[in-house]
Amino acid sequence: MSRSITVEYTINPPASSGQSYELSTTKKHEFAIRGSLAESGQSEHYKSLREGIAQARQEVGEELTAWRDAVGKAELNKETKKPQTDDEEDEEENDA
């Protein structure tokens, strides 16, 4: 029996941005774990597990970072709050 680490995720980007993204919203990865505890011994088995987890972390992390960057740029392009002018600031000071 083959052992592996499986990571599957679905991204639901904000619909309010009205933007379509070139990135895939659904991904599934399988990272093979070499050997088994009985075949390779405890030390080698855990070494293989650590390598598989590190590979999964690296690959999924890069993909999620790409999503964060894409959505972040879209959020920055949204309408921002209008900065106050000097006249508005003076009015607030007079009210106080």
C-alpha atoms as a PDB file:
ATOM      1  CA  MET A   1       0.000   0.000   0.000  1.00  0.00           C
ATOM      2  CA  SER A   2       1.367   3.368  -1.019  1.00  0.00           C
ATOM      3  CA  ARG A   3       1.440   6.075   1.623  1.00  0.00           C
ATOM      4  CA  SER A   4       1.013   9.745   0.856  1.00  0.00           C
ATOM      5  CA  ILE A   5       0.028  13.095   2.283  1.00  0.00           C
ATOM      6  CA  THR A   6      -2.991  14.578   0.515  1.00  0.00           C
ATOM      7  CA  VAL A   7      -3.779  18.292   0.548  1.00  0.00           C
ATOM      8  CA  GLU A   8      -6.941  19.540  -1.125  1.00  0.00           C
ATOM      9  CA  TYR A   9      -8.394  23.034  -0.975  1.00  0.00           C
ATOM     10  CA  THR A  10     -10.931  25.313  -2.629  1.00  0.00           C
ATOM     11  CA  ILE A  11     -10.518  29.089  -2.707  1.00  0.00           C
ATOM     12  CA  ASN A  12     -13.604  31.302  -2.642  1.00  0.00           C
ATOM     13  CA  PRO A  13     -12.382  34.764  -3.685  1.00  0.00           C
ATOM     14  CA  PRO A  14     -14.534  37.753  -2.740  1.00  0.00           C
ATOM     15  CA  ALA A  15     -17.380  38.149  -5.200  1.00  0.00           C
ATOM     16  CA  SER A  16     -17.586  41.865  -4.481  1.00  0.00           C
ATOM     17  CA  SER A  17     -14.387  42.532  -6.416  1.00  0.00           C
ATOM     18  CA  GLY A  18     -16.090  41.587  -9.704  1.00  0.00           C
ATOM     19  CA  GLN A  19     -12.737  40.375 -10.955  1.00  0.00           C
ATOM     20  CA  SER A  20     -11.904  36.993 -12.430  1.00  0.00           C
ATOM     21  CA  TYR A  21      -8.606  35.435 -11.436  1.00  0.00           C
ATOM     22  CA  GLU A  22      -6.288  33.386 -13.625  1.00  0.00           C
ATOM     23  CA  LEU A  23      -5.446  31.094 -10.719  1.00  0.00           C
ATOM     24  CA  SER A  24      -7.150  27.756 -10.184  1.00  0.00           C
ATOM     25  CA  THR A  25      -9.695  27.875  -7.351  1.00  0.00           C
ATOM     26  CA  THR A  26      -9.441  24.154  -6.583  1.00  0.00           C
ATOM     27  CA  LYS A  27      -6.279  22.135  -6.110  1.00  0.00           C
ATOM     28  CA  LYS A  28      -5.420  18.660  -4.913  1.00  0.00           C
ATOM     29  CA  HIS A  29      -1.889  17.471  -4.223  1.00  0.00           C
ATOM     30  CA  GLU A  30      -0.496  14.118  -3.173  1.00  0.00           C
ATOM     31  CA  PHE A  31       2.981  13.885  -1.730  1.00  0.00           C
ATOM     32  CA  ALA A  32       4.413  10.371  -1.607  1.00  0.00           C
ATOM     33  CA  ILE A  33       5.905   8.981   1.572  1.00  0.00           C
ATOM     34  CA  ARG A  34       8.648   6.479   0.815  1.00  0.00           C
ATOM     35  CA  GLY A  35       8.539   3.112   2.508  1.00  0.00           C
ATOM     36  CA  SER A  36       6.701   2.263   5.673  1.00  0.00           C
ATOM     37  CA  LEU A  37       7.543   1.988   9.328  1.00  0.00           C
ATOM     38  CA  ALA A  38       7.914  -1.802   9.048  1.00  0.00           C
ATOM     39  CA  GLU A  39      10.073  -1.646   5.891  1.00  0.00           C
ATOM     40  CA  SER A  40      12.475   1.179   6.655  1.00  0.00           C
ATOM     41  CA  GLY A  41      12.548   1.561  10.407  1.00  0.00           C
ATOM     42  CA  GLN A  42      11.338   4.361  12.585  1.00  0.00           C
ATOM     43  CA  SER A  43      14.105   6.861  11.846  1.00  0.00           C
ATOM     44  CA  GLU A  44      13.843   6.610   8.044  1.00  0.00           C
ATOM     45  CA  HIS A  45      10.049   6.570   8.145  1.00  0.00           C
ATOM     46  CA  TYR A  46       9.857   9.797  10.145  1.00  0.00           C
ATOM     47  CA  LYS A  47      12.517  11.391   7.957  1.00  0.00           C
ATOM     48  CA  SER A  48      10.362  10.588   4.918  1.00  0.00           C
ATOM     49  CA  LEU A  49       7.294  12.019   6.670  1.00  0.00           C
ATOM     50  CA  ARG A  50       9.138  15.255   7.483  1.00  0.00           C
ATOM     51  CA  GLU A  51      10.270  15.584   3.860  1.00  0.00           C
ATOM     52  CA  GLY A  52       6.721  15.026   2.580  1.00  0.00           C
ATOM     53  CA  ILE A  53       5.288  17.583   4.987  1.00  0.00           C
ATOM     54  CA  ALA A  54       7.973  20.123   4.062  1.00  0.00           C
ATOM     55  CA  GLN A  55       7.270  19.621   0.357  1.00  0.00           C
ATOM     56  CA  ALA A  56       3.514  20.006   0.924  1.00  0.00           C
ATOM     57  CA  ARG A  57       4.029  23.155   2.983  1.00  0.00           C
ATOM     58  CA  GLN A  58       6.297  24.687   0.364  1.00  0.00           C
ATOM     59  CA  GLU A  59       4.078  23.980  -2.637  1.00  0.00           C
ATOM     60  CA  VAL A  60       0.737  24.866  -1.034  1.00  0.00           C
ATOM     61  CA  GLY A  61       2.292  27.931   0.603  1.00  0.00           C
ATOM     62  CA  GLU A  62       3.464  29.252  -2.768  1.00  0.00           C
ATOM     63  CA  GLU A  63       0.012  28.751  -4.281  1.00  0.00           C
ATOM     64  CA  LEU A  64      -1.780  30.442  -1.391  1.00  0.00           C
ATOM     65  CA  THR A  65       0.691  33.331  -1.474  1.00  0.00           C
ATOM     66  CA  ALA A  66      -0.148  33.844  -5.162  1.00  0.00           C
ATOM     67  CA  TRP A  67      -3.843  33.993  -4.206  1.00  0.00           C
ATOM     68  CA  ARG A  68      -3.149  36.420  -1.361  1.00  0.00           C
ATOM     69  CA  ASP A  69      -1.250  38.691  -3.734  1.00  0.00           C
ATOM     70  CA  ALA A  70      -3.955  38.541  -6.429  1.00  0.00           C
ATOM     71  CA  VAL A  71      -6.831  39.227  -4.039  1.00  0.00           C
ATOM     72  CA  GLY A  72      -4.822  41.875  -2.201  1.00  0.00           C
ATOM     73  CA  LYS A  73      -4.215  43.796  -5.421  1.00  0.00           C
ATOM     74  CA  ALA A  74      -7.916  43.590  -6.267  1.00  0.00           C
ATOM     75  CA  GLU A  75      -8.830  44.894  -2.805  1.00  0.00           C
ATOM     76  CA  LEU A  76      -6.425  47.823  -3.220  1.00  0.00           C
ATOM     77  CA  ASN A  77      -8.149  48.790  -6.454  1.00  0.00           C
ATOM     78  CA  LYS A  78     -11.483  49.140  -4.670  1.00  0.00           C
ATOM     79  CA  GLU A  79     -12.742  52.616  -3.931  1.00  0.00           C
ATOM     80  CA  THR A  80     -10.983  53.984  -0.878  1.00  0.00           C
ATOM     81  CA  LYS A  81     -12.317  56.404   1.688  1.00  0.00           C
ATOM     82  CA  LYS A  82     -12.030  59.985   0.492  1.00  0.00           C
ATOM     83  CA  PRO A  83      -9.343  61.816   2.480  1.00  0.00           C
ATOM     84  CA  GLN A  84     -10.452  64.877   4.402  1.00  0.00           C
ATOM     85  CA  THR A  85      -9.592  68.269   2.998  1.00  0.00           C
ATOM     86  CA  ASP A  86      -8.142  71.069   5.100  1.00  0.00           C
ATOM     87  CA  ASP A  87     -11.551  72.806   5.197  1.00  0.00           C
ATOM     88  CA  GLU A  88     -13.236  69.729   6.681  1.00  0.00           C
ATOM     89  CA  GLU A  89     -10.535  69.416   9.342  1.00  0.00           C
ATOM     90  CA  ASP A  90     -11.014  73.076  10.329  1.00  0.00           C
ATOM     91  CA  GLU A  91     -14.776  72.540  10.687  1.00  0.00           C
ATOM     92  CA  GLU A  92     -14.197  69.592  13.023  1.00  0.00           C
ATOM     93  CA  GLU A  93     -11.854  71.657  15.197  1.00  0.00           C
ATOM     94  CA  ASN A  94     -14.413  74.489  15.401  1.00  0.00           C
ATOM     95  CA  ASP A  95     -17.175  72.064  16.445  1.00  0.00           C
ATOM     96  CA  ALA A  96     -15.132  70.790  19.391  1.00  0.00           C
END
